[in-house]
Amino acid sequence: MPDESKEVSLSTMTDTLSSQLNGTLRDSADALSRLTTDMTETLGAAAKTATDITGNFANDSAKVMAGVADATGKITTDLLETVRTLTGVASSILDGMIKMLSSQASK
């Protein structure tokens, strides 16, 4: 007959780890969203300043905005890739912990 205290303990630890991992991933996604918003606002202000300085809205502003859009896209892509990598690592760690706990519980 299996030891119910080990099963409850394993279940509790698994639930706790899963909850902590989900919280961390949710916090990372929120931080990424805030960072992207802040970055877009900052780059927009920089583009406006550049437009004001040059006084040639039609030509120079278009170039600045194209550069801003390109930079924003690259940074956002890099940030999303980082979050994907962190999610994969966290998932692997959680899987390993669950396997280890399952192994211990079955002894």
PDB file of N, CA and C in Angstrom:
ATOM      1  N   MET A   1       0.855  -1.184   0.000  1.00  0.00           N
ATOM      2  CA  MET A   1       0.000   0.000   0.000  1.00  0.00           C
ATOM      3  C   MET A   1       0.893   1.237   0.000  1.00  0.00           C
ATOM      4  N   PRO A   2       0.679   2.177  -0.918  1.00  0.00           N
ATOM      5  CA  PRO A   2       1.550   3.351  -1.003  1.00  0.00           C
ATOM      6  C   PRO A   2       1.421   4.239   0.226  1.00  0.00           C
ATOM      7  N   ASP A   3       2.500   4.882   0.532  1.00  0.00           N
ATOM      8  CA  ASP A   3       2.531   5.811   1.661  1.00  0.00           C
ATOM      9  C   ASP A   3       1.832   7.094   1.247  1.00  0.00           C
ATOM     10  N   GLU A   4       0.613   7.337   1.809  1.00  0.00           N
ATOM     11  CA  GLU A   4      -0.197   8.498   1.396  1.00  0.00           C
ATOM     12  C   GLU A   4       0.480   9.808   1.738  1.00  0.00           C
ATOM     13  N   SER A   5       1.277   9.841   2.819  1.00  0.00           N
ATOM     14  CA  SER A   5       1.941  11.092   3.182  1.00  0.00           C
ATOM     15  C   SER A   5       2.960  11.481   2.122  1.00  0.00           C
ATOM     16  N   LYS A   6       3.624  10.481   1.510  1.00  0.00           N
ATOM     17  CA  LYS A   6       4.561  10.788   0.429  1.00  0.00           C
ATOM     18  C   LYS A   6       3.816  11.309  -0.793  1.00  0.00           C
ATOM     19  N   GLU A   7       2.663  10.711  -1.109  1.00  0.00           N
ATOM     20  CA  GLU A   7       1.888  11.150  -2.259  1.00  0.00           C
ATOM     21  C   GLU A   7       1.372  12.571  -2.058  1.00  0.00           C
ATOM     22  N   VAL A   8       0.870  12.856  -0.875  1.00  0.00           N
ATOM     23  CA  VAL A   8       0.374  14.203  -0.590  1.00  0.00           C
ATOM     24  C   VAL A   8       1.525  15.191  -0.639  1.00  0.00           C
ATOM     25  N   SER A   9       2.643  14.805  -0.056  1.00  0.00           N
ATOM     26  CA  SER A   9       3.810  15.689  -0.036  1.00  0.00           C
ATOM     27  C   SER A   9       4.312  15.942  -1.451  1.00  0.00           C
ATOM     28  N   LEU A  10       4.386  14.908  -2.264  1.00  0.00           N
ATOM     29  CA  LEU A  10       4.828  15.051  -3.649  1.00  0.00           C
ATOM     30  C   LEU A  10       3.852  15.926  -4.420  1.00  0.00           C
ATOM     31  N   SER A  11       2.566  15.696  -4.223  1.00  0.00           N
ATOM     32  CA  SER A  11       1.555  16.496  -4.900  1.00  0.00           C
ATOM     33  C   SER A  11       1.652  17.956  -4.468  1.00  0.00           C
ATOM     34  N   THR A  12       1.820  18.186  -3.182  1.00  0.00           N
ATOM     35  CA  THR A  12       1.929  19.550  -2.659  1.00  0.00           C
ATOM     36  C   THR A  12       3.173  20.234  -3.210  1.00  0.00           C
ATOM     37  N   MET A  13       4.297  19.522  -3.216  1.00  0.00           N
ATOM     38  CA  MET A  13       5.533  20.114  -3.733  1.00  0.00           C
ATOM     39  C   MET A  13       5.408  20.410  -5.224  1.00  0.00           C
ATOM     40  N   THR A  14       4.802  19.498  -5.966  1.00  0.00           N
ATOM     41  CA  THR A  14       4.614  19.709  -7.402  1.00  0.00           C
ATOM     42  C   THR A  14       3.717  20.917  -7.652  1.00  0.00           C
ATOM     43  N   ASP A  15       2.619  21.013  -6.913  1.00  0.00           N
ATOM     44  CA  ASP A  15       1.718  22.162  -7.056  1.00  0.00           C
ATOM     45  C   ASP A  15       2.421  23.462  -6.703  1.00  0.00           C
ATOM     46  N   THR A  16       3.214  23.443  -5.641  1.00  0.00           N
ATOM     47  CA  THR A  16       3.943  24.647  -5.217  1.00  0.00           C
ATOM     48  C   THR A  16       4.953  25.061  -6.278  1.00  0.00           C
ATOM     49  N   LEU A  17       5.715  24.092  -6.780  1.00  0.00           N
ATOM     50  CA  LEU A  17       6.709  24.403  -7.815  1.00  0.00           C
ATOM     51  C   LEU A  17       6.036  24.935  -9.073  1.00  0.00           C
ATOM     52  N   SER A  18       4.951  24.308  -9.456  1.00  0.00           N
ATOM     53  CA  SER A  18       4.228  24.751 -10.653  1.00  0.00           C
ATOM     54  C   SER A  18       3.691  26.161 -10.460  1.00  0.00           C
ATOM     55  N   SER A  19       3.140  26.440  -9.305  1.00  0.00           N
ATOM     56  CA  SER A  19       2.598  27.775  -9.016  1.00  0.00           C
ATOM     57  C   SER A  19       3.707  28.826  -9.035  1.00  0.00           C
ATOM     58  N   GLN A  20       4.850  28.494  -8.418  1.00  0.00           N
ATOM     59  CA  GLN A  20       5.968  29.441  -8.408  1.00  0.00           C
ATOM     60  C   GLN A  20       6.493  29.680  -9.811  1.00  0.00           C
ATOM     61  N   LEU A  21       6.595  28.637 -10.602  1.00  0.00           N
ATOM     62  CA  LEU A  21       7.067  28.769 -11.982  1.00  0.00           C
ATOM     63  C   LEU A  21       6.103  29.620 -12.791  1.00  0.00           C
ATOM     64  N   ASN A  22       4.809  29.357 -12.653  1.00  0.00           N
ATOM     65  CA  ASN A  22       3.816  30.158 -13.382  1.00  0.00           C
ATOM     66  C   ASN A  22       3.875  31.614 -12.955  1.00  0.00           C
ATOM     67  N   GLY A  23       4.049  31.866 -11.669  1.00  0.00           N
ATOM     68  CA  GLY A  23       4.162  33.238 -11.176  1.00  0.00           C
ATOM     69  C   GLY A  23       5.383  33.932 -11.747  1.00  0.00           C
ATOM     70  N   THR A  24       6.497  33.223 -11.786  1.00  0.00           N
ATOM     71  CA  THR A  24       7.722  33.796 -12.332  1.00  0.00           C
ATOM     72  C   THR A  24       7.570  34.106 -13.818  1.00  0.00           C
ATOM     73  N   LEU A  25       6.970  33.179 -14.549  1.00  0.00           N
ATOM     74  CA  LEU A  25       6.764  33.409 -15.984  1.00  0.00           C
ATOM     75  C   LEU A  25       5.790  34.556 -16.227  1.00  0.00           C
ATOM     76  N   ARG A  26       4.737  34.653 -15.402  1.00  0.00           N
ATOM     77  CA  ARG A  26       3.776  35.745 -15.530  1.00  0.00           C
ATOM     78  C   ARG A  26       4.461  37.086 -15.226  1.00  0.00           C
ATOM     79  N   ASP A  27       5.302  37.101 -14.167  1.00  0.00           N
ATOM     80  CA  ASP A  27       6.036  38.323 -13.834  1.00  0.00           C
ATOM     81  C   ASP A  27       6.989  38.706 -14.961  1.00  0.00           C
ATOM     82  N   SER A  28       7.642  37.708 -15.570  1.00  0.00           N
ATOM     83  CA  SER A  28       8.555  37.977 -16.683  1.00  0.00           C
ATOM     84  C   SER A  28       7.804  38.556 -17.875  1.00  0.00           C
ATOM     85  N   ALA A  29       6.648  38.008 -18.175  1.00  0.00           N
ATOM     86  CA  ALA A  29       5.849  38.521 -19.289  1.00  0.00           C
ATOM     87  C   ALA A  29       5.377  39.949 -19.016  1.00  0.00           C
ATOM     88  N   ASP A  30       4.973  40.217 -17.763  1.00  0.00           N
ATOM     89  CA  ASP A  30       4.551  41.578 -17.403  1.00  0.00           C
ATOM     90  C   ASP A  30       5.715  42.554 -17.534  1.00  0.00           C
ATOM     91  N   ALA A  31       6.889  42.137 -17.050  1.00  0.00           N
ATOM     92  CA  ALA A  31       8.064  43.001 -17.137  1.00  0.00           C
ATOM     93  C   ALA A  31       8.437  43.250 -18.602  1.00  0.00           C
ATOM     94  N   LEU A  32       8.352  42.228 -19.426  1.00  0.00           N
ATOM     95  CA  LEU A  32       8.643  42.372 -20.853  1.00  0.00           C
ATOM     96  C   LEU A  32       7.661  43.341 -21.497  1.00  0.00           C
ATOM     97  N   SER A  33       6.409  43.248 -21.142  1.00  0.00           N
ATOM     98  CA  SER A  33       5.399  44.150 -21.690  1.00  0.00           C
ATOM     99  C   SER A  33       5.687  45.594 -21.284  1.00  0.00           C
ATOM    100  N   ARG A  34       5.995  45.807 -19.998  1.00  0.00           N
ATOM    101  CA  ARG A  34       6.306  47.170 -19.531  1.00  0.00           C
ATOM    102  C   ARG A  34       7.564  47.698 -20.211  1.00  0.00           C
ATOM    103  N   LEU A  35       8.569  46.849 -20.344  1.00  0.00           N
ATOM    104  CA  LEU A  35       9.814  47.257 -20.984  1.00  0.00           C
ATOM    105  C   LEU A  35       9.576  47.634 -22.443  1.00  0.00           C
ATOM    106  N   THR A  36       8.787  46.841 -23.140  1.00  0.00           N
ATOM    107  CA  THR A  36       8.484  47.129 -24.543  1.00  0.00           C
ATOM    108  C   THR A  36       7.730  48.447 -24.669  1.00  0.00           C
ATOM    109  N   THR A  37       6.770  48.677 -23.783  1.00  0.00           N
ATOM    110  CA  THR A  37       6.012  49.932 -23.806  1.00  0.00           C
ATOM    111  C   THR A  37       6.934  51.116 -23.530  1.00  0.00           C
ATOM    112  N   ASP A  38       7.757  51.000 -22.494  1.00  0.00           N
ATOM    113  CA  ASP A  38       8.690  52.087 -22.161  1.00  0.00           C
ATOM    114  C   ASP A  38       9.663  52.350 -23.307  1.00  0.00           C
ATOM    115  N   MET A  39      10.161  51.272 -23.894  1.00  0.00           N
ATOM    116  CA  MET A  39      11.115  51.398 -24.993  1.00  0.00           C
ATOM    117  C   MET A  39      10.461  52.095 -26.191  1.00  0.00           C
ATOM    118  N   THR A  40       9.234  51.722 -26.499  1.00  0.00           N
ATOM    119  CA  THR A  40       8.524  52.333 -27.625  1.00  0.00           C
ATOM    120  C   THR A  40       8.296  53.819 -27.371  1.00  0.00           C
ATOM    121  N   GLU A  41       7.894  54.161 -26.146  1.00  0.00           N
ATOM    122  CA  GLU A  41       7.679  55.575 -25.803  1.00  0.00           C
ATOM    123  C   GLU A  41       8.977  56.371 -25.893  1.00  0.00           C
ATOM    124  N   THR A  42      10.062  55.797 -25.394  1.00  0.00           N
ATOM    125  CA  THR A  42      11.361  56.478 -25.431  1.00  0.00           C
ATOM    126  C   THR A  42      11.832  56.677 -26.868  1.00  0.00           C
ATOM    127  N   LEU A  43      11.710  55.632 -27.659  1.00  0.00           N
ATOM    128  CA  LEU A  43      12.131  55.746 -29.054  1.00  0.00           C
ATOM    129  C   LEU A  43      11.240  56.719 -29.822  1.00  0.00           C
ATOM    130  N   GLY A  44       9.964  56.759 -29.493  1.00  0.00           N
ATOM    131  CA  GLY A  44       9.053  57.720 -30.121  1.00  0.00           C
ATOM    132  C   GLY A  44       9.440  59.147 -29.783  1.00  0.00           C
ATOM    133  N   ALA A  45       9.792  59.376 -28.514  1.00  0.00           N
ATOM    134  CA  ALA A  45      10.231  60.713 -28.102  1.00  0.00           C
ATOM    135  C   ALA A  45      11.528  61.089 -28.804  1.00  0.00           C
ATOM    136  N   ALA A  46      12.431  60.122 -28.948  1.00  0.00           N
ATOM    137  CA  ALA A  46      13.689  60.387 -29.650  1.00  0.00           C
ATOM    138  C   ALA A  46      13.421  60.741 -31.113  1.00  0.00           C
ATOM    139  N   ALA A  47      12.492  60.034 -31.730  1.00  0.00           N
ATOM    140  CA  ALA A  47      12.153  60.323 -33.125  1.00  0.00           C
ATOM    141  C   ALA A  47      11.539  61.717 -33.253  1.00  0.00           C
ATOM    142  N   LYS A  48      10.681  62.089 -32.296  1.00  0.00           N
ATOM    143  CA  LYS A  48      10.080  63.422 -32.326  1.00  0.00           C
ATOM    144  C   LYS A  48      11.151  64.492 -32.168  1.00  0.00           C
ATOM    145  N   THR A  49      12.064  64.282 -31.254  1.00  0.00           N
ATOM    146  CA  THR A  49      13.150  65.239 -31.053  1.00  0.00           C
ATOM    147  C   THR A  49      13.987  65.369 -32.319  1.00  0.00           C
ATOM    148  N   ALA A  50      14.290  64.247 -32.942  1.00  0.00           N
ATOM    149  CA  ALA A  50      15.068  64.280 -34.175  1.00  0.00           C
ATOM    150  C   ALA A  50      14.324  65.045 -35.262  1.00  0.00           C
ATOM    151  N   THR A  51      13.013  64.846 -35.321  1.00  0.00           N
ATOM    152  CA  THR A  51      12.196  65.564 -36.312  1.00  0.00           C
ATOM    153  C   THR A  51      12.218  67.058 -36.044  1.00  0.00           C
ATOM    154  N   ASP A  52      12.059  67.417 -34.776  1.00  0.00           N
ATOM    155  CA  ASP A  52      12.065  68.833 -34.407  1.00  0.00           C
ATOM    156  C   ASP A  52      13.407  69.490 -34.743  1.00  0.00           C
ATOM    157  N   ILE A  53      14.488  68.771 -34.488  1.00  0.00           N
ATOM    158  CA  ILE A  53      15.826  69.330 -34.731  1.00  0.00           C
ATOM    159  C   ILE A  53      16.073  69.502 -36.227  1.00  0.00           C
ATOM    160  N   THR A  54      15.745  68.539 -37.009  1.00  0.00           N
ATOM    161  CA  THR A  54      16.048  68.616 -38.444  1.00  0.00           C
ATOM    162  C   THR A  54      15.132  69.582 -39.182  1.00  0.00           C
ATOM    163  N   GLY A  55      13.893  69.681 -38.722  1.00  0.00           N
ATOM    164  CA  GLY A  55      12.950  70.570 -39.396  1.00  0.00           C
ATOM    165  C   GLY A  55      12.527  70.065 -40.760  1.00  0.00           C
ATOM    166  N   ASN A  56      12.981  68.915 -41.157  1.00  0.00           N
ATOM    167  CA  ASN A  56      12.622  68.373 -42.459  1.00  0.00           C
ATOM    168  C   ASN A  56      11.815  67.095 -42.229  1.00  0.00           C
ATOM    169  N   PHE A  57      10.570  67.277 -41.870  1.00  0.00           N
ATOM    170  CA  PHE A  57       9.716  66.162 -41.464  1.00  0.00           C
ATOM    171  C   PHE A  57       9.595  65.090 -42.538  1.00  0.00           C
ATOM    172  N   ALA A  58       9.369  65.457 -43.741  1.00  0.00           N
ATOM    173  CA  ALA A  58       9.082  64.496 -44.802  1.00  0.00           C
ATOM    174  C   ALA A  58      10.221  63.526 -45.052  1.00  0.00           C
ATOM    175  N   ASN A  59      11.467  64.016 -45.004  1.00  0.00           N
ATOM    176  CA  ASN A  59      12.596  63.178 -45.350  1.00  0.00           C
ATOM    177  C   ASN A  59      13.262  62.569 -44.110  1.00  0.00           C
ATOM    178  N   ASP A  60      13.753  63.439 -43.246  1.00  0.00           N
ATOM    179  CA  ASP A  60      14.520  62.965 -42.101  1.00  0.00           C
ATOM    180  C   ASP A  60      13.674  62.170 -41.105  1.00  0.00           C
ATOM    181  N   SER A  61      12.457  62.613 -40.877  1.00  0.00           N
ATOM    182  CA  SER A  61      11.594  61.906 -39.928  1.00  0.00           C
ATOM    183  C   SER A  61      11.287  60.498 -40.404  1.00  0.00           C
ATOM    184  N   ALA A  62      11.061  60.348 -41.686  1.00  0.00           N
ATOM    185  CA  ALA A  62      10.770  59.021 -42.236  1.00  0.00           C
ATOM    186  C   ALA A  62      11.956  58.083 -42.004  1.00  0.00           C
ATOM    187  N   LYS A  63      13.160  58.593 -42.178  1.00  0.00           N
ATOM    188  CA  LYS A  63      14.355  57.780 -41.953  1.00  0.00           C
ATOM    189  C   LYS A  63      14.485  57.405 -40.478  1.00  0.00           C
ATOM    190  N   VAL A  64      14.262  58.387 -39.602  1.00  0.00           N
ATOM    191  CA  VAL A  64      14.367  58.133 -38.162  1.00  0.00           C
ATOM    192  C   VAL A  64      13.322  57.110 -37.731  1.00  0.00           C
ATOM    193  N   MET A  65      12.090  57.288 -38.184  1.00  0.00           N
ATOM    194  CA  MET A  65      11.019  56.369 -37.795  1.00  0.00           C
ATOM    195  C   MET A  65      11.267  54.960 -38.323  1.00  0.00           C
ATOM    196  N   ALA A  66      11.829  54.861 -39.514  1.00  0.00           N
ATOM    197  CA  ALA A  66      12.162  53.535 -40.042  1.00  0.00           C
ATOM    198  C   ALA A  66      13.219  52.874 -39.160  1.00  0.00           C
ATOM    199  N   GLY A  67      14.197  53.661 -38.746  1.00  0.00           N
ATOM    200  CA  GLY A  67      15.230  53.138 -37.844  1.00  0.00           C
ATOM    201  C   GLY A  67      14.654  52.745 -36.497  1.00  0.00           C
ATOM    202  N   VAL A  68      13.747  53.584 -35.984  1.00  0.00           N
ATOM    203  CA  VAL A  68      13.099  53.297 -34.704  1.00  0.00           C
ATOM    204  C   VAL A  68      12.281  52.010 -34.803  1.00  0.00           C
ATOM    205  N   ALA A  69      11.520  51.874 -35.850  1.00  0.00           N
ATOM    206  CA  ALA A  69      10.701  50.669 -36.032  1.00  0.00           C
ATOM    207  C   ALA A  69      11.586  49.431 -36.132  1.00  0.00           C
ATOM    208  N   ASP A  70      12.674  49.537 -36.864  1.00  0.00           N
ATOM    209  CA  ASP A  70      13.587  48.412 -37.010  1.00  0.00           C
ATOM    210  C   ASP A  70      14.211  48.044 -35.665  1.00  0.00           C
ATOM    211  N   ALA A  71      14.692  49.054 -34.940  1.00  0.00           N
ATOM    212  CA  ALA A  71      15.315  48.797 -33.640  1.00  0.00           C
ATOM    213  C   ALA A  71      14.308  48.206 -32.659  1.00  0.00           C
ATOM    214  N   THR A  72      13.097  48.744 -32.645  1.00  0.00           N
ATOM    215  CA  THR A  72      12.060  48.242 -31.740  1.00  0.00           C
ATOM    216  C   THR A  72      11.738  46.781 -32.058  1.00  0.00           C
ATOM    217  N   GLY A  73      11.617  46.470 -33.323  1.00  0.00           N
ATOM    218  CA  GLY A  73      11.332  45.091 -33.719  1.00  0.00           C
ATOM    219  C   GLY A  73      12.430  44.130 -33.313  1.00  0.00           C
ATOM    220  N   LYS A  74      13.673  44.541 -33.525  1.00  0.00           N
ATOM    221  CA  LYS A  74      14.799  43.670 -33.161  1.00  0.00           C
ATOM    222  C   LYS A  74      14.877  43.463 -31.653  1.00  0.00           C
ATOM    223  N   ILE A  75      14.707  44.542 -30.901  1.00  0.00           N
ATOM    224  CA  ILE A  75      14.779  44.428 -29.443  1.00  0.00           C
ATOM    225  C   ILE A  75      13.638  43.567 -28.923  1.00  0.00           C
ATOM    226  N   THR A  76      12.441  43.779 -29.430  1.00  0.00           N
ATOM    227  CA  THR A  76      11.291  42.990 -28.989  1.00  0.00           C
ATOM    228  C   THR A  76      11.490  41.519 -29.318  1.00  0.00           C
ATOM    229  N   THR A  77      12.008  41.225 -30.499  1.00  0.00           N
ATOM    230  CA  THR A  77      12.274  39.841 -30.885  1.00  0.00           C
ATOM    231  C   THR A  77      13.289  39.208 -29.940  1.00  0.00           C
ATOM    232  N   ASP A  78      14.351  39.942 -29.626  1.00  0.00           N
ATOM    233  CA  ASP A  78      15.370  39.432 -28.700  1.00  0.00           C
ATOM    234  C   ASP A  78      14.784  39.190 -27.311  1.00  0.00           C
ATOM    235  N   LEU A  79      13.945  40.107 -26.846  1.00  0.00           N
ATOM    236  CA  LEU A  79      13.336  39.951 -25.526  1.00  0.00           C
ATOM    237  C   LEU A  79      12.398  38.751 -25.491  1.00  0.00           C
ATOM    238  N   LEU A  80      11.606  38.576 -26.531  1.00  0.00           N
ATOM    239  CA  LEU A  80      10.691  37.435 -26.581  1.00  0.00           C
ATOM    240  C   LEU A  80      11.465  36.120 -26.642  1.00  0.00           C
ATOM    241  N   GLU A  81      12.560  36.100 -27.372  1.00  0.00           N
ATOM    242  CA  GLU A  81      13.387  34.893 -27.453  1.00  0.00           C
ATOM    243  C   GLU A  81      13.983  34.569 -26.081  1.00  0.00           C
ATOM    244  N   THR A  82      14.378  35.605 -25.351  1.00  0.00           N
ATOM    245  CA  THR A  82      14.911  35.404 -23.998  1.00  0.00           C
ATOM    246  C   THR A  82      13.843  34.802 -23.088  1.00  0.00           C
ATOM    247  N   VAL A  83      12.620  35.319 -23.163  1.00  0.00           N
ATOM    248  CA  VAL A  83      11.528  34.781 -22.347  1.00  0.00           C
ATOM    249  C   VAL A  83      11.243  33.334 -22.734  1.00  0.00           C
ATOM    250  N   ARG A  84      11.265  33.026 -24.035  1.00  0.00           N
ATOM    251  CA  ARG A  84      11.054  31.638 -24.476  1.00  0.00           C
ATOM    252  C   ARG A  84      12.137  30.727 -23.908  1.00  0.00           C
ATOM    253  N   THR A  85      13.378  31.186 -23.950  1.00  0.00           N
ATOM    254  CA  THR A  85      14.483  30.386 -23.429  1.00  0.00           C
ATOM    255  C   THR A  85      14.317  30.164 -21.932  1.00  0.00           C
ATOM    256  N   LEU A  86      13.995  31.228 -21.199  1.00  0.00           N
ATOM    257  CA  LEU A  86      13.799  31.112 -19.755  1.00  0.00           C
ATOM    258  C   LEU A  86      12.633  30.175 -19.439  1.00  0.00           C
ATOM    259  N   THR A  87      11.581  30.232 -20.228  1.00  0.00           N
ATOM    260  CA  THR A  87      10.440  29.347 -20.026  1.00  0.00           C
ATOM    261  C   THR A  87      10.857  27.899 -20.229  1.00  0.00           C
ATOM    262  N   GLY A  88      11.643  27.648 -21.268  1.00  0.00           N
ATOM    263  CA  GLY A  88      12.126  26.289 -21.524  1.00  0.00           C
ATOM    264  C   GLY A  88      13.006  25.770 -20.408  1.00  0.00           C
ATOM    265  N   VAL A  89      13.897  26.631 -19.919  1.00  0.00           N
ATOM    266  CA  VAL A  89      14.786  26.234 -18.822  1.00  0.00           C
ATOM    267  C   VAL A  89      13.963  25.946 -17.567  1.00  0.00           C
ATOM    268  N   ALA A  90      13.031  26.844 -17.254  1.00  0.00           N
ATOM    269  CA  ALA A  90      12.197  26.646 -16.069  1.00  0.00           C
ATOM    270  C   ALA A  90      11.382  25.358 -16.185  1.00  0.00           C
ATOM    271  N   SER A  91      10.861  25.084 -17.359  1.00  0.00           N
ATOM    272  CA  SER A  91      10.088  23.869 -17.584  1.00  0.00           C
ATOM    273  C   SER A  91      10.961  22.631 -17.403  1.00  0.00           C
ATOM    274  N   SER A  92      12.184  22.672 -17.920  1.00  0.00           N
ATOM    275  CA  SER A  92      13.104  21.539 -17.776  1.00  0.00           C
ATOM    276  C   SER A  92      13.445  21.303 -16.305  1.00  0.00           C
ATOM    277  N   ILE A  93      13.669  22.400 -15.587  1.00  0.00           N
ATOM    278  CA  ILE A  93      13.984  22.285 -14.154  1.00  0.00           C
ATOM    279  C   ILE A  93      12.800  21.662 -13.421  1.00  0.00           C
ATOM    280  N   LEU A  94      11.605  22.140 -13.710  1.00  0.00           N
ATOM    281  CA  LEU A  94      10.409  21.606 -13.060  1.00  0.00           C
ATOM    282  C   LEU A  94      10.224  20.128 -13.399  1.00  0.00           C
ATOM    283  N   ASP A  95      10.413  19.754 -14.657  1.00  0.00           N
ATOM    284  CA  ASP A  95      10.306  18.345 -15.040  1.00  0.00           C
ATOM    285  C   ASP A  95      11.312  17.483 -14.274  1.00  0.00           C
ATOM    286  N   GLY A  96      12.534  17.987 -14.173  1.00  0.00           N
ATOM    287  CA  GLY A  96      13.565  17.252 -13.439  1.00  0.00           C
ATOM    288  C   GLY A  96      13.218  17.099 -11.971  1.00  0.00           C
ATOM    289  N   MET A  97      12.700  18.155 -11.381  1.00  0.00           N
ATOM    290  CA  MET A  97      12.322  18.100  -9.967  1.00  0.00           C
ATOM    291  C   MET A  97      11.173  17.118  -9.749  1.00  0.00           C
ATOM    292  N   ILE A  98      10.201  17.127 -10.662  1.00  0.00           N
ATOM    293  CA  ILE A  98       9.067  16.211 -10.545  1.00  0.00           C
ATOM    294  C   ILE A  98       9.553  14.760 -10.662  1.00  0.00           C
ATOM    295  N   LYS A  99      10.451  14.498 -11.605  1.00  0.00           N
ATOM    296  CA  LYS A  99      10.985  13.141 -11.763  1.00  0.00           C
ATOM    297  C   LYS A  99      11.740  12.712 -10.511  1.00  0.00           C
ATOM    298  N   MET A 100      12.556  13.646  -9.968  1.00  0.00           N
ATOM    299  CA  MET A 100      13.324  13.334  -8.771  1.00  0.00           C
ATOM    300  C   MET A 100      12.381  13.052  -7.600  1.00  0.00           C
ATOM    301  N   LEU A 101      11.361  13.899  -7.442  1.00  0.00           N
ATOM    302  CA  LEU A 101      10.419  13.707  -6.345  1.00  0.00           C
ATOM    303  C   LEU A 101       9.620  12.419  -6.530  1.00  0.00           C
ATOM    304  N   SER A 102       9.256  12.114  -7.755  1.00  0.00           N
ATOM    305  CA  SER A 102       8.523  10.873  -8.031  1.00  0.00           C
ATOM    306  C   SER A 102       9.385   9.660  -7.702  1.00  0.00           C
ATOM    307  N   SER A 103      10.651   9.752  -8.049  1.00  0.00           N
ATOM    308  CA  SER A 103      11.588   8.668  -7.764  1.00  0.00           C
ATOM    309  C   SER A 103      11.734   8.478  -6.256  1.00  0.00           C
ATOM    310  N   GLN A 104      11.843   9.577  -5.546  1.00  0.00           N
ATOM    311  CA  GLN A 104      11.975   9.502  -4.091  1.00  0.00           C
ATOM    312  C   GLN A 104      10.694   8.952  -3.457  1.00  0.00           C
ATOM    313  N   ALA A 105       9.560   9.357  -3.981  1.00  0.00           N
ATOM    314  CA  ALA A 105       8.284   8.926  -3.421  1.00  0.00           C
ATOM    315  C   ALA A 105       8.052   7.432  -3.644  1.00  0.00           C
ATOM    316  N   SER A 106       8.607   6.892  -4.711  1.00  0.00           N
ATOM    317  CA  SER A 106       8.372   5.481  -5.016  1.00  0.00           C
ATOM    318  C   SER A 106       9.305   4.556  -4.233  1.00  0.00           C
ATOM    319  N   LYS A 107      10.267   5.123  -3.537  1.00  0.00           N
ATOM    320  CA  LYS A 107      11.211   4.284  -2.757  1.00  0.00           C
ATOM    321  C   LYS A 107      10.598   3.826  -1.456  1.00  0.00           C
TER     322      LYS A 107
END
